[in-house]
Amino acid sequence: MKIKTTLLRGTIVLATAALCAFGQTARAADEPTALSLIKDANEYVGKDTKDKVIGLRSEKSVASLTPNIWYVVFYDHDATFKTTEVKYGAGKKIDLRHPMRQPFAYINDKNLLDQKVIKIDSDKAINIAKAEPLLDKLTIRATQLWLENVDGVPTWRVRLWAQKLRHPNDDANIGEVSLSATDGKVLKTDLHIDRVD
């Protein structure tokens, strides 16, 4: 009888873990990718601003690796600081604003992202960054992403947080991986796995 009870408890624990993992995967699959938000954001900006994207960025993801707060930043010649920003939360538009910029953060139409050459979306960028050999033994818990032109190349910058070893309920910012948005090639890594101690 004791063996049956132990087996039943073990089966229930495994089934619960499988359901939780499936739920997290399904929730991440429901989140729109960064590039899909550009098409939607075009609906909220003026016709002179449509498709003039100079960057995308997210906030740190919560409870999954896929961020659900995104900002699509457009070049807007008519705005005081030359940008219009559309904020999304869980795939829905939350806000539209013209943010202030630093005095020397000069923005012009040369900063535009060439959307035709971008082949790597945010979900693939996260998977490429997680696949770095240095991160093999770590549990990655959160990400934050930026898409911007770096020396004329559309580049994803992926910041990663991993589970701490001594305090498993806490996360540590372990650095960034930069990769080309055209072919997924890793351009630069700035990882500090010693921060998980």
C-alpha atoms as a PDB file:
ATOM      1  CA  MET A   1       0.000   0.000   0.000  1.00  0.00           C
ATOM      2  CA  LYS A   2       2.867   2.349   0.873  1.00  0.00           C
ATOM      3  CA  ILE A   3       4.497   1.773  -2.529  1.00  0.00           C
ATOM      4  CA  LYS A   4       1.244   2.588  -4.359  1.00  0.00           C
ATOM      5  CA  THR A   5       0.834   5.827  -2.369  1.00  0.00           C
ATOM      6  CA  THR A   6       4.423   6.855  -3.113  1.00  0.00           C
ATOM      7  CA  LEU A   7       4.000   6.081  -6.820  1.00  0.00           C
ATOM      8  CA  LEU A   8       0.717   7.994  -6.931  1.00  0.00           C
ATOM      9  CA  ARG A   9       2.298  11.046  -5.269  1.00  0.00           C
ATOM     10  CA  GLY A  10       5.242  10.902  -7.670  1.00  0.00           C
ATOM     11  CA  THR A  11       2.886  10.711 -10.645  1.00  0.00           C
ATOM     12  CA  ILE A  12       0.882  13.683  -9.379  1.00  0.00           C
ATOM     13  CA  VAL A  13       4.059  15.742  -8.870  1.00  0.00           C
ATOM     14  CA  LEU A  14       5.305  14.919 -12.388  1.00  0.00           C
ATOM     15  CA  ALA A  15       1.914  15.714 -13.922  1.00  0.00           C
ATOM     16  CA  THR A  16       1.766  19.048 -12.086  1.00  0.00           C
ATOM     17  CA  ALA A  17       5.295  19.948 -13.224  1.00  0.00           C
ATOM     18  CA  ALA A  18       4.420  19.036 -16.818  1.00  0.00           C
ATOM     19  CA  LEU A  19       1.280  21.187 -16.725  1.00  0.00           C
ATOM     20  CA  CYS A  20       3.222  24.150 -15.318  1.00  0.00           C
ATOM     21  CA  ALA A  21       5.886  23.813 -18.015  1.00  0.00           C
ATOM     22  CA  PHE A  22       3.209  23.550 -20.699  1.00  0.00           C
ATOM     23  CA  GLY A  23       1.423  26.614 -19.303  1.00  0.00           C
ATOM     24  CA  GLN A  24       4.585  28.704 -19.360  1.00  0.00           C
ATOM     25  CA  THR A  25       5.347  27.576 -22.932  1.00  0.00           C
ATOM     26  CA  ALA A  26       1.786  28.305 -24.034  1.00  0.00           C
ATOM     27  CA  ARG A  27       1.874  31.764 -22.379  1.00  0.00           C
ATOM     28  CA  ALA A  28       5.176  32.567 -24.117  1.00  0.00           C
ATOM     29  CA  ALA A  29       3.727  31.379 -27.441  1.00  0.00           C
ATOM     30  CA  ASP A  30       0.768  33.761 -26.964  1.00  0.00           C
ATOM     31  CA  GLU A  31       3.021  36.805 -26.640  1.00  0.00           C
ATOM     32  CA  PRO A  32       3.534  38.623 -29.948  1.00  0.00           C
ATOM     33  CA  THR A  33       7.068  38.920 -31.267  1.00  0.00           C
ATOM     34  CA  ALA A  34       8.761  42.284 -31.631  1.00  0.00           C
ATOM     35  CA  LEU A  35       8.564  42.405 -35.419  1.00  0.00           C
ATOM     36  CA  SER A  36       4.843  41.629 -35.430  1.00  0.00           C
ATOM     37  CA  LEU A  37       4.291  44.691 -33.229  1.00  0.00           C
ATOM     38  CA  ILE A  38       5.774  46.995 -35.893  1.00  0.00           C
ATOM     39  CA  LYS A  39       2.863  46.258 -38.235  1.00  0.00           C
ATOM     40  CA  ASP A  40       0.361  46.973 -35.476  1.00  0.00           C
ATOM     41  CA  ALA A  41       2.183  50.121 -34.313  1.00  0.00           C
ATOM     42  CA  ASN A  42       1.908  51.581 -37.825  1.00  0.00           C
ATOM     43  CA  GLU A  43      -1.841  51.920 -37.179  1.00  0.00           C
ATOM     44  CA  TYR A  44      -1.218  54.474 -34.409  1.00  0.00           C
ATOM     45  CA  VAL A  45       1.294  56.829 -36.019  1.00  0.00           C
ATOM     46  CA  GLY A  46       0.914  59.408 -38.782  1.00  0.00           C
ATOM     47  CA  LYS A  47       1.263  58.362 -42.405  1.00  0.00           C
ATOM     48  CA  ASP A  48       4.599  60.201 -42.724  1.00  0.00           C
ATOM     49  CA  THR A  49       5.947  58.154 -39.803  1.00  0.00           C
ATOM     50  CA  LYS A  50       4.737  54.658 -40.817  1.00  0.00           C
ATOM     51  CA  ASP A  51       7.493  52.032 -41.227  1.00  0.00           C
ATOM     52  CA  LYS A  52      10.182  54.526 -40.140  1.00  0.00           C
ATOM     53  CA  VAL A  53      11.283  52.388 -37.203  1.00  0.00           C
ATOM     54  CA  ILE A  54      14.568  53.333 -35.553  1.00  0.00           C
ATOM     55  CA  GLY A  55      14.413  50.786 -32.762  1.00  0.00           C
ATOM     56  CA  LEU A  56      12.521  48.403 -30.542  1.00  0.00           C
ATOM     57  CA  ARG A  57      13.110  47.687 -26.897  1.00  0.00           C
ATOM     58  CA  SER A  58      11.484  45.679 -24.155  1.00  0.00           C
ATOM     59  CA  GLU A  59      11.324  45.779 -20.411  1.00  0.00           C
ATOM     60  CA  LYS A  60      12.682  42.857 -18.413  1.00  0.00           C
ATOM     61  CA  SER A  61      10.504  39.781 -18.881  1.00  0.00           C
ATOM     62  CA  VAL A  62       8.434  38.535 -15.963  1.00  0.00           C
ATOM     63  CA  ALA A  63       7.668  34.848 -15.241  1.00  0.00           C
ATOM     64  CA  SER A  64       8.948  33.756 -18.673  1.00  0.00           C
ATOM     65  CA  LEU A  65      11.782  34.438 -21.093  1.00  0.00           C
ATOM     66  CA  THR A  66       9.533  36.374 -23.477  1.00  0.00           C
ATOM     67  CA  PRO A  67       9.067  40.052 -22.588  1.00  0.00           C
ATOM     68  CA  ASN A  68       5.496  41.306 -22.677  1.00  0.00           C
ATOM     69  CA  ILE A  69       6.194  45.062 -22.476  1.00  0.00           C
ATOM     70  CA  TRP A  70       7.605  46.472 -25.730  1.00  0.00           C
ATOM     71  CA  TYR A  71       8.322  49.924 -27.142  1.00  0.00           C
ATOM     72  CA  VAL A  72       8.352  50.541 -30.908  1.00  0.00           C
ATOM     73  CA  VAL A  73      10.275  53.744 -31.629  1.00  0.00           C
ATOM     74  CA  PHE A  74       9.622  55.615 -34.898  1.00  0.00           C
ATOM     75  CA  TYR A  75      11.506  58.471 -36.524  1.00  0.00           C
ATOM     76  CA  ASP A  76       9.067  61.412 -36.589  1.00  0.00           C
ATOM     77  CA  HIS A  77      10.346  64.511 -38.361  1.00  0.00           C
ATOM     78  CA  ASP A  78       7.543  66.653 -36.917  1.00  0.00           C
ATOM     79  CA  ALA A  79       8.113  65.744 -33.254  1.00  0.00           C
ATOM     80  CA  THR A  80      10.331  67.985 -31.123  1.00  0.00           C
ATOM     81  CA  PHE A  81      12.855  65.250 -30.323  1.00  0.00           C
ATOM     82  CA  LYS A  82      12.248  63.410 -33.619  1.00  0.00           C
ATOM     83  CA  THR A  83      10.731  60.254 -32.120  1.00  0.00           C
ATOM     84  CA  THR A  84       7.309  58.742 -31.555  1.00  0.00           C
ATOM     85  CA  GLU A  85       7.064  55.764 -29.237  1.00  0.00           C
ATOM     86  CA  VAL A  86       4.247  53.200 -29.114  1.00  0.00           C
ATOM     87  CA  LYS A  87       4.146  51.125 -25.914  1.00  0.00           C
ATOM     88  CA  TYR A  88       2.651  47.617 -25.878  1.00  0.00           C
ATOM     89  CA  GLY A  89       1.691  45.369 -22.995  1.00  0.00           C
ATOM     90  CA  ALA A  90       0.748  41.741 -23.724  1.00  0.00           C
ATOM     91  CA  GLY A  91       0.252  42.618 -27.388  1.00  0.00           C
ATOM     92  CA  LYS A  92      -2.115  45.541 -26.740  1.00  0.00           C
ATOM     93  CA  LYS A  93      -1.312  49.223 -27.251  1.00  0.00           C
ATOM     94  CA  ILE A  94      -0.931  50.963 -23.898  1.00  0.00           C
ATOM     95  CA  ASP A  95       0.494  54.375 -24.757  1.00  0.00           C
ATOM     96  CA  LEU A  96       1.693  56.645 -27.549  1.00  0.00           C
ATOM     97  CA  ARG A  97       4.088  59.470 -26.732  1.00  0.00           C
ATOM     98  CA  HIS A  98       6.915  61.675 -27.991  1.00  0.00           C
ATOM     99  CA  PRO A  99       9.698  61.035 -25.452  1.00  0.00           C
ATOM    100  CA  MET A 100      12.421  63.495 -24.551  1.00  0.00           C
ATOM    101  CA  ARG A 101      15.947  62.524 -25.537  1.00  0.00           C
ATOM    102  CA  GLN A 102      19.400  63.358 -24.256  1.00  0.00           C
ATOM    103  CA  PRO A 103      20.838  66.518 -25.864  1.00  0.00           C
ATOM    104  CA  PHE A 104      23.479  64.618 -27.828  1.00  0.00           C
ATOM    105  CA  ALA A 105      21.305  61.663 -28.838  1.00  0.00           C
ATOM    106  CA  TYR A 106      20.890  62.981 -32.368  1.00  0.00           C
ATOM    107  CA  ILE A 107      18.197  61.119 -34.288  1.00  0.00           C
ATOM    108  CA  ASN A 108      17.728  61.359 -38.042  1.00  0.00           C
ATOM    109  CA  ASP A 109      16.411  59.263 -40.895  1.00  0.00           C
ATOM    110  CA  LYS A 110      19.808  57.548 -41.278  1.00  0.00           C
ATOM    111  CA  ASN A 111      18.985  55.612 -38.074  1.00  0.00           C
ATOM    112  CA  LEU A 112      16.076  53.765 -39.725  1.00  0.00           C
ATOM    113  CA  LEU A 113      16.017  49.978 -39.500  1.00  0.00           C
ATOM    114  CA  ASP A 114      15.879  48.244 -42.873  1.00  0.00           C
ATOM    115  CA  GLN A 115      12.999  45.895 -42.129  1.00  0.00           C
ATOM    116  CA  LYS A 116      13.483  43.954 -45.379  1.00  0.00           C
ATOM    117  CA  VAL A 117      16.837  42.535 -44.246  1.00  0.00           C
ATOM    118  CA  ILE A 118      15.762  41.629 -40.697  1.00  0.00           C
ATOM    119  CA  LYS A 119      15.236  37.863 -40.590  1.00  0.00           C
ATOM    120  CA  ILE A 120      15.700  37.166 -36.857  1.00  0.00           C
ATOM    121  CA  ASP A 121      12.739  38.022 -34.637  1.00  0.00           C
ATOM    122  CA  SER A 122      12.831  38.463 -30.852  1.00  0.00           C
ATOM    123  CA  ASP A 123      11.956  34.820 -30.062  1.00  0.00           C
ATOM    124  CA  LYS A 124      14.825  33.525 -32.204  1.00  0.00           C
ATOM    125  CA  ALA A 125      17.196  36.128 -30.753  1.00  0.00           C
ATOM    126  CA  ILE A 126      16.427  34.842 -27.243  1.00  0.00           C
ATOM    127  CA  ASN A 127      17.063  31.235 -28.319  1.00  0.00           C
ATOM    128  CA  ILE A 128      20.373  32.144 -29.979  1.00  0.00           C
ATOM    129  CA  ALA A 129      21.532  34.072 -26.898  1.00  0.00           C
ATOM    130  CA  LYS A 130      20.538  31.201 -24.556  1.00  0.00           C
ATOM    131  CA  ALA A 131      22.513  28.761 -26.704  1.00  0.00           C
ATOM    132  CA  GLU A 132      25.844  30.417 -25.857  1.00  0.00           C
ATOM    133  CA  PRO A 133      28.150  27.646 -24.533  1.00  0.00           C
ATOM    134  CA  LEU A 134      29.048  29.678 -21.439  1.00  0.00           C
ATOM    135  CA  LEU A 135      25.389  29.575 -20.344  1.00  0.00           C
ATOM    136  CA  ASP A 136      25.007  25.816 -20.710  1.00  0.00           C
ATOM    137  CA  LYS A 137      24.782  24.981 -16.988  1.00  0.00           C
ATOM    138  CA  LEU A 138      22.788  28.065 -15.934  1.00  0.00           C
ATOM    139  CA  THR A 139      19.027  28.456 -15.535  1.00  0.00           C
ATOM    140  CA  ILE A 140      18.077  31.530 -17.555  1.00  0.00           C
ATOM    141  CA  ARG A 141      15.034  33.194 -16.007  1.00  0.00           C
ATOM    142  CA  ALA A 142      14.509  36.544 -17.728  1.00  0.00           C
ATOM    143  CA  THR A 143      15.508  38.592 -20.753  1.00  0.00           C
ATOM    144  CA  GLN A 144      15.417  42.159 -21.998  1.00  0.00           C
ATOM    145  CA  LEU A 145      15.926  43.049 -25.654  1.00  0.00           C
ATOM    146  CA  TRP A 146      16.855  45.999 -27.871  1.00  0.00           C
ATOM    147  CA  LEU A 147      16.849  46.125 -31.677  1.00  0.00           C
ATOM    148  CA  GLU A 148      18.849  49.002 -33.149  1.00  0.00           C
ATOM    149  CA  ASN A 149      21.320  49.850 -35.876  1.00  0.00           C
ATOM    150  CA  VAL A 150      24.932  49.362 -34.825  1.00  0.00           C
ATOM    151  CA  ASP A 151      27.375  50.514 -37.506  1.00  0.00           C
ATOM    152  CA  GLY A 152      24.638  50.133 -40.127  1.00  0.00           C
ATOM    153  CA  VAL A 153      23.767  46.559 -39.092  1.00  0.00           C
ATOM    154  CA  PRO A 154      20.396  45.793 -37.458  1.00  0.00           C
ATOM    155  CA  THR A 155      21.491  44.255 -34.155  1.00  0.00           C
ATOM    156  CA  TRP A 156      19.675  42.509 -31.325  1.00  0.00           C
ATOM    157  CA  ARG A 157      21.085  43.095 -27.862  1.00  0.00           C
ATOM    158  CA  VAL A 158      19.809  40.481 -25.394  1.00  0.00           C
ATOM    159  CA  ARG A 159      20.356  41.000 -21.658  1.00  0.00           C
ATOM    160  CA  LEU A 160      20.035  37.832 -19.579  1.00  0.00           C
ATOM    161  CA  TRP A 161      19.203  37.064 -15.943  1.00  0.00           C
ATOM    162  CA  ALA A 162      20.029  33.674 -14.409  1.00  0.00           C
ATOM    163  CA  GLN A 163      19.048  31.897 -11.222  1.00  0.00           C
ATOM    164  CA  LYS A 164      21.522  32.464  -8.373  1.00  0.00           C
ATOM    165  CA  LEU A 165      23.196  29.353  -6.971  1.00  0.00           C
ATOM    166  CA  ARG A 166      23.127  30.171  -3.253  1.00  0.00           C
ATOM    167  CA  HIS A 167      19.760  31.944  -3.328  1.00  0.00           C
ATOM    168  CA  PRO A 168      17.702  30.121  -5.974  1.00  0.00           C
ATOM    169  CA  ASN A 169      14.749  32.516  -5.600  1.00  0.00           C
ATOM    170  CA  ASP A 170      16.901  35.452  -6.748  1.00  0.00           C
ATOM    171  CA  ASP A 171      18.127  36.371 -10.219  1.00  0.00           C
ATOM    172  CA  ALA A 172      21.455  37.827 -11.311  1.00  0.00           C
ATOM    173  CA  ASN A 173      22.076  40.028 -14.335  1.00  0.00           C
ATOM    174  CA  ILE A 174      24.750  38.018 -16.144  1.00  0.00           C
ATOM    175  CA  GLY A 175      25.328  40.329 -19.103  1.00  0.00           C
ATOM    176  CA  GLU A 176      24.467  40.651 -22.765  1.00  0.00           C
ATOM    177  CA  VAL A 177      24.758  38.912 -26.110  1.00  0.00           C
ATOM    178  CA  SER A 178      24.667  41.011 -29.303  1.00  0.00           C
ATOM    179  CA  LEU A 179      23.719  39.327 -32.559  1.00  0.00           C
ATOM    180  CA  SER A 180      22.954  40.275 -36.126  1.00  0.00           C
ATOM    181  CA  ALA A 181      19.235  40.567 -36.876  1.00  0.00           C
ATOM    182  CA  THR A 182      19.913  39.612 -40.482  1.00  0.00           C
ATOM    183  CA  ASP A 183      21.516  36.177 -40.023  1.00  0.00           C
ATOM    184  CA  GLY A 184      21.654  35.490 -36.266  1.00  0.00           C
ATOM    185  CA  LYS A 185      25.450  35.536 -36.078  1.00  0.00           C
ATOM    186  CA  VAL A 186      26.711  36.414 -32.585  1.00  0.00           C
ATOM    187  CA  LEU A 187      28.655  39.680 -32.862  1.00  0.00           C
ATOM    188  CA  LYS A 188      29.662  40.248 -29.238  1.00  0.00           C
ATOM    189  CA  THR A 189      29.260  38.647 -25.835  1.00  0.00           C
ATOM    190  CA  ASP A 190      29.655  40.413 -22.528  1.00  0.00           C
ATOM    191  CA  LEU A 191      28.746  37.669 -20.056  1.00  0.00           C
ATOM    192  CA  HIS A 192      29.634  37.517 -16.350  1.00  0.00           C
ATOM    193  CA  ILE A 193      28.545  34.111 -15.065  1.00  0.00           C
ATOM    194  CA  ASP A 194      30.412  34.684 -11.802  1.00  0.00           C
ATOM    195  CA  ARG A 195      27.485  36.884 -10.724  1.00  0.00           C
ATOM    196  CA  VAL A 196      25.327  33.814 -10.025  1.00  0.00           C
ATOM    197  CA  ASP A 197      27.437  32.961  -6.923  1.00  0.00           C
END
